[in-house]
Amino acid sequence: MKFPLQLVGAFVLGIVVALLGVRSRSADGSADDGSDSPSGGRPSASRSGQRHDTAPESLLSSLLKGKSPSDLTTEEALGILSAVMDKPAGGDSVEQAKMDYQFQLLMAKLPLPVVEEMLTAAREKGVLVDKVHRLFAAYARRDPDKAMAWANGQTDGPRLRAIVIRGLSQEDPGQAALIYQKELLASTTRKSDWEAGESIARSYARHGHAALLDYLDTLPSGFASSFLPTAIQELPEGDVAAFLGELEKRTAAKNWQGWHMTELLGRLSVSHPLETARFLERMEPGKDRANTRYSLAMALMGQGKGEESREMLGKVMADLPGGEKQFVMMNLQGCLRSFPEMAVAMVEALPEEQGLTAEDLQRWPSFNFGHPDGMMNLAQLIRSRDGQASYLVESFNKIGPGNNNHMDANDFKLLADRLETLELPADGKARAQEALEEARVRATAK
């Protein structure tokens, strides 16, 4: 089974063609004689009617210095490919893309006997394992059967066979699944090396949930439960509702644990938020639905959908009557680090009688959110203005040599400016300003 090089290199080709287009221009902006056409690799004709090289041909020619791939010896091919697999100087991403595509082009055109000899030579010369595996992966794309046979004679055969299966899964997941299952039955696939099986699952998922589940049902439960959370993110948009229906049936029939369903819904909330939200409306209210809705709220905020995220947070609170504050306290620190604006919305969604107090936050470090004024962010989560002032006074009193996160005069100016903007009671603000000044003296004293 052959793997189309065009699919592997299409994106890279666009970058490289653009690069060649820029570099083939002369100083006056006109194209040099014999330059590549910047037309996506299609042949172009000069004014005399002569055909120009396509972009892939030009890239390969520049790599081989005019030689044909069929003229290369095993030693020459290995030397060229080994150099191309090295990282470019300075980490130039465009140069890296060019080198990656040149690698693919040459590996696609070398005679297969040369490729096989080159792999053996690479092993004998002690070429880095990562490079050997990359050469082997390109070989496997051209002839999976021969690659599998070659792998059987190698000490890292299981790893090499997994590479073949991963490549084959992109074009023929059914054949890849058959080989993978044989590997499992023969106990030659390490349980810790599941990339091949997961690749098959992702490929099946693109064909719909039925194909995915049919495949997973043939595997040991530990494998299936590991592959599923990643694979379902590849489901077609119109198939998610049907998958969720099947998920519900299997959970009710005790075919899947409840925690597994919660994890899957959390994953789907990132890739398919609308379908997940609709499904959650049908779930029983309670902790599981609240946790999944919270994951969905985080996903929506990450997508820039602040209004939808706040609406979902309101539903989270509705699922936890009497337990809203406990839920917020469990999740607030992580939320502050990821989405401070969402943390504020979560606290605002608390019932009036469950608002955060200074005592709730005193046990948290004031400097653990990436900048010295993190205490200001925490203070603003306290519902009572007097509580905000008390929290700040207590926090400022803790600042001193050894526990001030190396605060300097600029940090204290920032704190003073932010303190001035807070709407605190006059006496509370005065106490906080006095405590801050005393902290500045302690922390900056020589």
Foldseek 3Di string as FASTA:
>chain_A
DAADLCVVQVVLLLLQLVVQVVVQADPVRDGDPLGEDSPSFDWDADPVRDIHGGSLVVLLCVLVVNDALAPDALVRVLVSLLVLPDQDPPNPVNSVSSSVSSNLSSLVRHPLVSLVVNLVVCVVVVPDPVSSLVSLLSSLNGPVVVSLVVLVPDPPSLVSNLSSLLNVLQPCLPVSLVVVVVCVVVVVHDPVPLPSVLSNLLSLQLVADVSNVVSLVVDPPVSSLVNPLVNPLNHPLVRVLVVVVVVVVCCVVVVDDPVSNLSSLLSCLQSHVVSSVVSLVPDDQADSSLSSLLSNLLNCVVVVNPVVSLVSLLVSCVSPVPCLLVVLLVCLVVCCQRPLVVNLSNQVSDPPVNQDFLVSPLVPQQQPNPAQNSLVSVLVSGPDLLRSLVNLLVNLLPAAPPRRPLDAPVSLVVNVVSLVPDPHPPVSSVSNVVSSVVNNCRHHPD
